[in-house]
PDB file of N, CA and C in Angstrom:
ATOM      1  N   MET A   1     176.842 222.988 118.421  1.00  0.00           N
ATOM      2  CA  MET A   1     176.616 222.025 117.014  1.00  0.00           C
ATOM      3  C   MET A   1     175.369 223.568 116.436  1.00  0.00           C
ATOM      4  N   LEU A   2     174.545 223.455 117.265  1.00  0.00           N
ATOM      5  CA  LEU A   2     173.421 225.000 116.575  1.00  0.00           C
ATOM      6  C   LEU A   2     174.254 226.163 116.277  1.00  0.00           C
ATOM      7  N   ARG A   3     175.269 226.404 116.849  1.00  0.00           N
ATOM      8  CA  ARG A   3     175.854 227.732 116.591  1.00  0.00           C
ATOM      9  C   ARG A   3     176.668 227.769 115.361  1.00  0.00           C
ATOM     10  N   ALA A   4     177.393 226.607 115.306  1.00  0.00           N
ATOM     11  CA  ALA A   4     178.155 226.111 113.890  1.00  0.00           C
ATOM     12  C   ALA A   4     177.169 226.132 112.659  1.00  0.00           C
ATOM     13  N   LEU A   5     176.085 225.444 112.659  1.00  0.00           N
ATOM     14  CA  LEU A   5     175.204 225.782 111.611  1.00  0.00           C
ATOM     15  C   LEU A   5     174.519 227.167 111.739  1.00  0.00           C
ATOM     16  N   LEU A   6     174.074 227.588 112.538  1.00  0.00           N
ATOM     17  CA  LEU A   6     173.711 229.206 112.034  1.00  0.00           C
ATOM     18  C   LEU A   6     174.648 229.992 111.460  1.00  0.00           C
ATOM     19  N   ASN A   7     176.139 230.078 111.856  1.00  0.00           N
ATOM     20  CA  ASN A   7     176.975 230.355 111.283  1.00  0.00           C
ATOM     21  C   ASN A   7     177.199 230.290 109.907  1.00  0.00           C
ATOM     22  N   PHE A   8     177.203 228.910 109.643  1.00  0.00           N
ATOM     23  CA  PHE A   8     177.398 228.273 108.283  1.00  0.00           C
ATOM     24  C   PHE A   8     176.337 228.646 107.421  1.00  0.00           C
ATOM     25  N   CYS A   9     175.018 228.938 107.920  1.00  0.00           N
ATOM     26  CA  CYS A   9     173.735 229.404 106.932  1.00  0.00           C
ATOM     27  C   CYS A   9     173.443 230.778 106.895  1.00  0.00           C
ATOM     28  N   ARG A  10     174.205 231.535 107.849  1.00  0.00           N
ATOM     29  CA  ARG A  10     173.870 232.916 107.593  1.00  0.00           C
ATOM     30  C   ARG A  10     174.317 233.938 106.432  1.00  0.00           C
ATOM     31  N   ARG A  11     173.700 234.738 106.098  1.00  0.00           N
ATOM     32  CA  ARG A  11     174.260 235.751 104.945  1.00  0.00           C
ATOM     33  C   ARG A  11     175.545 236.435 105.559  1.00  0.00           C
ATOM     34  N   PRO A  12     176.672 236.378 104.886  1.00  0.00           N
ATOM     35  CA  PRO A  12     177.867 237.427 105.482  1.00  0.00           C
ATOM     36  C   PRO A  12     177.531 238.864 105.224  1.00  0.00           C
ATOM     37  N   ALA A  13     178.107 239.615 105.973  1.00  0.00           N
ATOM     38  CA  ALA A  13     178.087 240.928 106.597  1.00  0.00           C
ATOM     39  C   ALA A  13     178.479 241.436 105.021  1.00  0.00           C
ATOM     40  N   LEU A  14     179.617 241.017 104.320  1.00  0.00           N
ATOM     41  CA  LEU A  14     180.149 241.761 103.049  1.00  0.00           C
ATOM     42  C   LEU A  14     178.932 242.009 101.909  1.00  0.00           C
ATOM     43  N   ARG A  15     178.109 240.997 101.684  1.00  0.00           N
ATOM     44  CA  ARG A  15     176.820 241.319 100.740  1.00  0.00           C
ATOM     45  C   ARG A  15     176.139 242.585 101.021  1.00  0.00           C
ATOM     46  N   PHE A  16     176.011 242.866 102.444  1.00  0.00           N
ATOM     47  CA  PHE A  16     175.294 243.844 102.964  1.00  0.00           C
ATOM     48  C   PHE A  16     175.904 245.291 103.149  1.00  0.00           C
ATOM     49  N   GLY A  17     177.069 245.045 102.752  1.00  0.00           N
ATOM     50  CA  GLY A  17     178.390 246.410 102.763  1.00  0.00           C
ATOM     51  C   GLY A  17     178.639 246.964 104.407  1.00  0.00           C
ATOM     52  N   LEU A  18     178.262 245.964 105.370  1.00  0.00           N
ATOM     53  CA  LEU A  18     178.843 246.102 106.511  1.00  0.00           C
ATOM     54  C   LEU A  18     180.037 245.977 107.114  1.00  0.00           C
ATOM     55  N   ARG A  19     180.516 245.362 106.260  1.00  0.00           N
ATOM     56  CA  ARG A  19     182.053 245.260 106.626  1.00  0.00           C
ATOM     57  C   ARG A  19     182.957 245.305 105.483  1.00  0.00           C
ATOM     58  N   ASN A  20     184.536 245.696 105.573  1.00  0.00           N
ATOM     59  CA  ASN A  20     185.225 245.850 104.698  1.00  0.00           C
ATOM     60  C   ASN A  20     185.595 244.405 103.871  1.00  0.00           C
ATOM     61  N   ASP A  21     185.767 244.274 102.651  1.00  0.00           N
ATOM     62  CA  ASP A  21     186.120 242.998 102.081  1.00  0.00           C
ATOM     63  C   ASP A  21     187.711 243.259 102.476  1.00  0.00           C
ATOM     64  N   ARG A  22     188.237 242.271 103.273  1.00  0.00           N
ATOM     65  CA  ARG A  22     189.813 241.771 103.183  1.00  0.00           C
ATOM     66  C   ARG A  22     190.401 241.224 101.756  1.00  0.00           C
ATOM     67  N   ARG A  23     189.695 241.062 101.029  1.00  0.00           N
ATOM     68  CA  ARG A  23     190.580 240.582  99.578  1.00  0.00           C
ATOM     69  C   ARG A  23     190.886 241.487  98.971  1.00  0.00           C
ATOM     70  N   GLY A  24     191.105 242.482  99.057  1.00  0.00           N
ATOM     71  CA  GLY A  24     191.900 243.413  98.323  1.00  0.00           C
ATOM     72  C   GLY A  24     190.760 244.701  97.429  1.00  0.00           C
ATOM     73  N   ARG A  25     191.685 245.651  97.196  1.00  0.00           N
ATOM     74  CA  ARG A  25     190.458 246.676  96.384  1.00  0.00           C
ATOM     75  C   ARG A  25     189.946 246.297  95.042  1.00  0.00           C
ATOM     76  N   PHE A  26     190.630 245.508  94.546  1.00  0.00           N
ATOM     77  CA  PHE A  26     190.126 245.056  93.223  1.00  0.00           C
ATOM     78  C   PHE A  26     188.734 244.646  93.318  1.00  0.00           C
ATOM     79  N   ARG A  27     188.229 243.901  94.277  1.00  0.00           N
ATOM     80  CA  ARG A  27     186.935 243.744  94.357  1.00  0.00           C
ATOM     81  C   ARG A  27     185.811 244.602  94.487  1.00  0.00           C
ATOM     82  N   ASP A  28     186.212 246.150  94.975  1.00  0.00           N
ATOM     83  CA  ASP A  28     185.465 246.961  95.101  1.00  0.00           C
ATOM     84  C   ASP A  28     184.765 247.192  93.863  1.00  0.00           C
ATOM     85  N   PRO A  29     183.422 247.470  93.890  1.00  0.00           N
ATOM     86  CA  PRO A  29     182.662 247.654  92.597  1.00  0.00           C
ATOM     87  C   PRO A  29     183.283 249.522  91.881  1.00  0.00           C
ATOM     88  N   ARG A  30     183.493 250.055  92.963  1.00  0.00           N
ATOM     89  CA  ARG A  30     183.236 251.417  92.552  1.00  0.00           C
ATOM     90  C   ARG A  30     185.080 251.614  91.879  1.00  0.00           C
ATOM     91  N   PHE A  31     185.898 250.661  91.995  1.00  0.00           N
ATOM     92  CA  PHE A  31     187.453 250.395  91.451  1.00  0.00           C
ATOM     93  C   PHE A  31     187.102 250.022  90.040  1.00  0.00           C
ATOM     94  N   ALA A  32     185.884 248.880  89.979  1.00  0.00           N
ATOM     95  CA  ALA A  32     186.048 248.058  89.052  1.00  0.00           C
ATOM     96  C   ALA A  32     185.124 249.179  87.734  1.00  0.00           C
ATOM     97  N   SER A  33     184.205 250.013  88.212  1.00  0.00           N
ATOM     98  CA  SER A  33     183.675 250.822  87.328  1.00  0.00           C
ATOM     99  C   SER A  33     184.557 252.038  86.865  1.00  0.00           C
ATOM    100  N   PHE A  34     185.814 252.580  87.598  1.00  0.00           N
ATOM    101  CA  PHE A  34     186.672 253.365  87.208  1.00  0.00           C
ATOM    102  C   PHE A  34     187.440 252.924  86.114  1.00  0.00           C
ATOM    103  N   ILE A  35     187.990 251.577  86.506  1.00  0.00           N
ATOM    104  CA  ILE A  35     188.637 251.210  85.335  1.00  0.00           C
ATOM    105  C   ILE A  35     187.858 250.768  84.326  1.00  0.00           C
ATOM    106  N   GLY A  36     186.720 250.721  84.124  1.00  0.00           N
ATOM    107  CA  GLY A  36     186.073 250.476  82.987  1.00  0.00           C
ATOM    108  C   GLY A  36     185.547 251.588  82.253  1.00  0.00           C
ATOM    109  N   GLN A  37     185.676 252.745  83.074  1.00  0.00           N
ATOM    110  CA  GLN A  37     185.286 254.433  82.368  1.00  0.00           C
ATOM    111  C   GLN A  37     186.751 254.957  82.067  1.00  0.00           C
ATOM    112  N   ASN A  38     187.686 254.717  82.319  1.00  0.00           N
ATOM    113  CA  ASN A  38     188.903 255.485  82.160  1.00  0.00           C
ATOM    114  C   ASN A  38     189.910 254.869  81.557  1.00  0.00           C
ATOM    115  N   ASN A  39     190.044 253.087  81.489  1.00  0.00           N
ATOM    116  CA  ASN A  39     191.336 252.446  80.680  1.00  0.00           C
ATOM    117  C   ASN A  39     190.501 251.909  79.698  1.00  0.00           C
ATOM    118  N   ARG A  40     189.698 252.463  78.533  1.00  0.00           N
ATOM    119  CA  ARG A  40     189.480 251.990  77.170  1.00  0.00           C
ATOM    120  C   ARG A  40     190.666 251.971  76.297  1.00  0.00           C
ATOM    121  N   THR A  41     190.777 250.798  76.141  1.00  0.00           N
ATOM    122  CA  THR A  41     192.093 250.719  74.698  1.00  0.00           C
ATOM    123  C   THR A  41     190.972 250.238  73.601  1.00  0.00           C
ATOM    124  N   LYS A  42     191.484 251.129  72.536  1.00  0.00           N
ATOM    125  CA  LYS A  42     190.368 250.329  71.202  1.00  0.00           C
ATOM    126  C   LYS A  42     191.040 249.263  70.585  1.00  0.00           C
ATOM    127  N   LEU A  43     190.228 248.261  70.269  1.00  0.00           N
ATOM    128  CA  LEU A  43     190.237 247.333  69.848  1.00  0.00           C
ATOM    129  C   LEU A  43     190.656 247.240  68.223  1.00  0.00           C
ATOM    130  N   ASP A  44     191.636 247.202  67.713  1.00  0.00           N
ATOM    131  CA  ASP A  44     191.836 246.827  66.197  1.00  0.00           C
ATOM    132  C   ASP A  44     190.979 245.801  65.650  1.00  0.00           C
ATOM    133  N   THR A  45     189.655 245.909  65.384  1.00  0.00           N
ATOM    134  CA  THR A  45     189.028 244.799  64.322  1.00  0.00           C
ATOM    135  C   THR A  45     189.742 244.021  63.409  1.00  0.00           C
ATOM    136  N   ASP A  46     190.237 244.977  62.510  1.00  0.00           N
ATOM    137  CA  ASP A  46     190.643 244.269  61.138  1.00  0.00           C
ATOM    138  C   ASP A  46     192.124 243.496  61.641  1.00  0.00           C
ATOM    139  N   LEU A  47     192.804 243.670  62.465  1.00  0.00           N
ATOM    140  CA  LEU A  47     194.162 242.940  62.929  1.00  0.00           C
ATOM    141  C   LEU A  47     193.610 241.864  63.733  1.00  0.00           C
ATOM    142  N   HIS A  48     192.525 242.035  64.462  1.00  0.00           N
ATOM    143  CA  HIS A  48     191.942 240.920  64.892  1.00  0.00           C
ATOM    144  C   HIS A  48     191.453 239.929  64.033  1.00  0.00           C
ATOM    145  N   ASP A  49     190.616 240.182  62.760  1.00  0.00           N
ATOM    146  CA  ASP A  49     189.993 239.424  62.088  1.00  0.00           C
ATOM    147  C   ASP A  49     191.351 238.815  61.051  1.00  0.00           C
ATOM    148  N   THR A  50     192.592 239.436  61.297  1.00  0.00           N
ATOM    149  CA  THR A  50     193.427 239.030  60.369  1.00  0.00           C
ATOM    150  C   THR A  50     194.389 237.836  61.203  1.00  0.00           C
ATOM    151  N   VAL A  51     194.478 238.111  62.313  1.00  0.00           N
ATOM    152  CA  VAL A  51     194.760 237.085  63.034  1.00  0.00           C
ATOM    153  C   VAL A  51     194.027 235.598  62.973  1.00  0.00           C
ATOM    154  N   LEU A  52     192.661 235.656  63.195  1.00  0.00           N
ATOM    155  CA  LEU A  52     191.959 234.781  63.234  1.00  0.00           C
ATOM    156  C   LEU A  52     191.756 233.955  61.974  1.00  0.00           C
ATOM    157  N   ARG A  53     191.518 235.281  61.103  1.00  0.00           N
ATOM    158  CA  ARG A  53     191.901 234.581  59.454  1.00  0.00           C
ATOM    159  C   ARG A  53     193.506 233.582  59.258  1.00  0.00           C
ATOM    160  N   GLY A  54     194.255 234.117  60.020  1.00  0.00           N
ATOM    161  CA  GLY A  54     195.701 233.419  59.690  1.00  0.00           C
ATOM    162  C   GLY A  54     195.887 232.064  60.711  1.00  0.00           C
ATOM    163  N   ARG A  55     195.012 231.922  61.962  1.00  0.00           N
ATOM    164  CA  ARG A  55     194.919 230.869  62.683  1.00  0.00           C
ATOM    165  C   ARG A  55     194.541 229.719  61.881  1.00  0.00           C
ATOM    166  N   LYS A  56     193.071 230.290  61.106  1.00  0.00           N
ATOM    167  CA  LYS A  56     192.550 229.364  60.419  1.00  0.00           C
ATOM    168  C   LYS A  56     193.477 229.057  59.571  1.00  0.00           C
ATOM    169  N   LEU A  57     194.094 229.873  58.457  1.00  0.00           N
ATOM    170  CA  LEU A  57     194.986 229.169  57.460  1.00  0.00           C
ATOM    171  C   LEU A  57     195.829 228.172  58.012  1.00  0.00           C
ATOM    172  N   MET A  58     196.417 228.359  58.719  1.00  0.00           N
ATOM    173  CA  MET A  58     197.548 227.411  59.570  1.00  0.00           C
ATOM    174  C   MET A  58     197.078 226.413  60.143  1.00  0.00           C
ATOM    175  N   LYS A  59     195.832 226.235  60.505  1.00  0.00           N
ATOM    176  CA  LYS A  59     194.916 224.588  61.628  1.00  0.00           C
ATOM    177  C   LYS A  59     194.856 224.295  59.642  1.00  0.00           C
ATOM    178  N   ASN A  60     194.250 224.880  58.602  1.00  0.00           N
ATOM    179  CA  ASN A  60     193.948 224.127  57.671  1.00  0.00           C
ATOM    180  C   ASN A  60     195.345 223.489  57.106  1.00  0.00           C
ATOM    181  N   LEU A  61     196.394 224.258  57.234  1.00  0.00           N
ATOM    182  CA  LEU A  61     197.511 223.679  56.336  1.00  0.00           C
ATOM    183  C   LEU A  61     197.946 222.558  57.449  1.00  0.00           C
ATOM    184  N   PHE A  62     198.055 222.602  58.618  1.00  0.00           N
ATOM    185  CA  PHE A  62     198.374 221.641  59.389  1.00  0.00           C
ATOM    186  C   PHE A  62     197.458 220.056  58.888  1.00  0.00           C
ATOM    187  N   ARG A  63     196.398 220.792  59.066  1.00  0.00           N
ATOM    188  CA  ARG A  63     195.445 219.682  58.744  1.00  0.00           C
ATOM    189  C   ARG A  63     196.162 218.580  57.401  1.00  0.00           C
ATOM    190  N   LEU A  64     196.198 219.304  56.380  1.00  0.00           N
ATOM    191  CA  LEU A  64     196.349 219.153  54.939  1.00  0.00           C
ATOM    192  C   LEU A  64     198.078 218.661  54.915  1.00  0.00           C
ATOM    193  N   ALA A  65     198.628 218.639  55.916  1.00  0.00           N
ATOM    194  CA  ALA A  65     200.250 218.094  56.048  1.00  0.00           C
ATOM    195  C   ALA A  65     199.863 217.064  56.425  1.00  0.00           C
ATOM    196  N   LEU A  66     199.151 216.992  57.791  1.00  0.00           N
ATOM    197  CA  LEU A  66     198.897 215.694  58.288  1.00  0.00           C
ATOM    198  C   LEU A  66     198.203 214.352  57.441  1.00  0.00           C
ATOM    199  N   PHE A  67     197.184 214.974  56.691  1.00  0.00           N
ATOM    200  CA  PHE A  67     196.682 214.166  55.892  1.00  0.00           C
ATOM    201  C   PHE A  67     197.845 213.663  54.874  1.00  0.00           C
ATOM    202  N   GLY A  68     198.258 214.653  54.286  1.00  0.00           N
ATOM    203  CA  GLY A  68     199.312 214.338  53.108  1.00  0.00           C
ATOM    204  C   GLY A  68     200.422 213.040  53.651  1.00  0.00           C
ATOM    205  N   GLY A  69     201.116 213.414  54.730  1.00  0.00           N
ATOM    206  CA  GLY A  69     201.883 212.372  55.371  1.00  0.00           C
ATOM    207  C   GLY A  69     201.071 211.014  55.954  1.00  0.00           C
ATOM    208  N   GLY A  70     200.086 211.008  56.396  1.00  0.00           N
ATOM    209  CA  GLY A  70     199.358 209.719  56.357  1.00  0.00           C
ATOM    210  C   GLY A  70     199.214 209.005  54.680  1.00  0.00           C
ATOM    211  N   ALA A  71     198.778 210.001  53.985  1.00  0.00           N
ATOM    212  CA  ALA A  71     198.655 209.162  52.426  1.00  0.00           C
ATOM    213  C   ALA A  71     199.734 208.688  52.287  1.00  0.00           C
ATOM    214  N   TRP A  72     200.917 209.478  52.348  1.00  0.00           N
ATOM    215  CA  TRP A  72     202.499 208.945  52.026  1.00  0.00           C
ATOM    216  C   TRP A  72     202.419 207.797  52.608  1.00  0.00           C
ATOM    217  N   VAL A  73     202.468 207.443  53.885  1.00  0.00           N
ATOM    218  CA  VAL A  73     202.739 206.309  54.669  1.00  0.00           C
ATOM    219  C   VAL A  73     201.848 205.069  54.166  1.00  0.00           C
ATOM    220  N   VAL A  74     200.556 205.169  53.786  1.00  0.00           N
ATOM    221  CA  VAL A  74     200.056 204.249  53.160  1.00  0.00           C
ATOM    222  C   VAL A  74     200.467 204.058  51.724  1.00  0.00           C
ATOM    223  N   VAL A  75     200.871 204.972  51.066  1.00  0.00           N
ATOM    224  CA  VAL A  75     201.509 204.406  49.867  1.00  0.00           C
ATOM    225  C   VAL A  75     202.661 203.867  49.697  1.00  0.00           C
ATOM    226  N   GLU A  76     203.436 204.159  50.818  1.00  0.00           N
ATOM    227  CA  GLU A  76     204.895 203.602  50.865  1.00  0.00           C
ATOM    228  C   GLU A  76     204.630 202.126  51.166  1.00  0.00           C
ATOM    229  N   SER A  77     203.678 201.863  52.374  1.00  0.00           N
ATOM    230  CA  SER A  77     203.421 200.509  53.010  1.00  0.00           C
ATOM    231  C   SER A  77     202.910 199.872  52.018  1.00  0.00           C
ATOM    232  N   ALA A  78     202.211 199.889  50.902  1.00  0.00           N
ATOM    233  CA  ALA A  78     201.420 199.620  49.932  1.00  0.00           C
ATOM    234  C   ALA A  78     202.603 198.757  48.903  1.00  0.00           C
ATOM    235  N   LYS A  79     203.633 199.879  48.673  1.00  0.00           N
ATOM    236  CA  LYS A  79     204.887 199.590  47.622  1.00  0.00           C
ATOM    237  C   LYS A  79     205.473 198.056  48.528  1.00  0.00           C
ATOM    238  N   ALA A  80     205.604 198.760  49.441  1.00  0.00           N
ATOM    239  CA  ALA A  80     206.578 197.666  50.665  1.00  0.00           C
ATOM    240  C   ALA A  80     205.756 196.219  50.563  1.00  0.00           C
ATOM    241  N   LEU A  81     204.732 196.420  50.560  1.00  0.00           N
ATOM    242  CA  LEU A  81     203.812 195.175  50.426  1.00  0.00           C
ATOM    243  C   LEU A  81     204.127 194.234  49.297  1.00  0.00           C
ATOM    244  N   ALA A  82     203.910 195.369  47.863  1.00  0.00           N
ATOM    245  CA  ALA A  82     204.183 194.585  46.699  1.00  0.00           C
ATOM    246  C   ALA A  82     205.250 194.037  46.425  1.00  0.00           C
ATOM    247  N   VAL A  83     206.182 194.292  47.089  1.00  0.00           N
ATOM    248  CA  VAL A  83     207.399 193.749  46.981  1.00  0.00           C
ATOM    249  C   VAL A  83     207.604 192.238  47.237  1.00  0.00           C
ATOM    250  N   PHE A  84     207.159 192.125  48.513  1.00  0.00           N
ATOM    251  CA  PHE A  84     206.775 190.651  48.788  1.00  0.00           C
ATOM    252  C   PHE A  84     206.062 189.895  48.152  1.00  0.00           C
TER     253      PHE A  84
END
């Protein structure tokens, strides 16, 4: 039981660099740094801002249509109740 507790509480050798990481090469900090330096794609901020504005516009149009549909239901219900 004591051995199980010691194994559970010890720091793994991976953190100290004493053992290779079996989880794959993508966790290697040298690989991540290489990708960060050599795989730079330029972000077109104008296009990004346009997309964000378009999403905001579509969201507002959806809200307006939802509100208009709710108002139409209320008006038609009032007309139907006025008949009785």
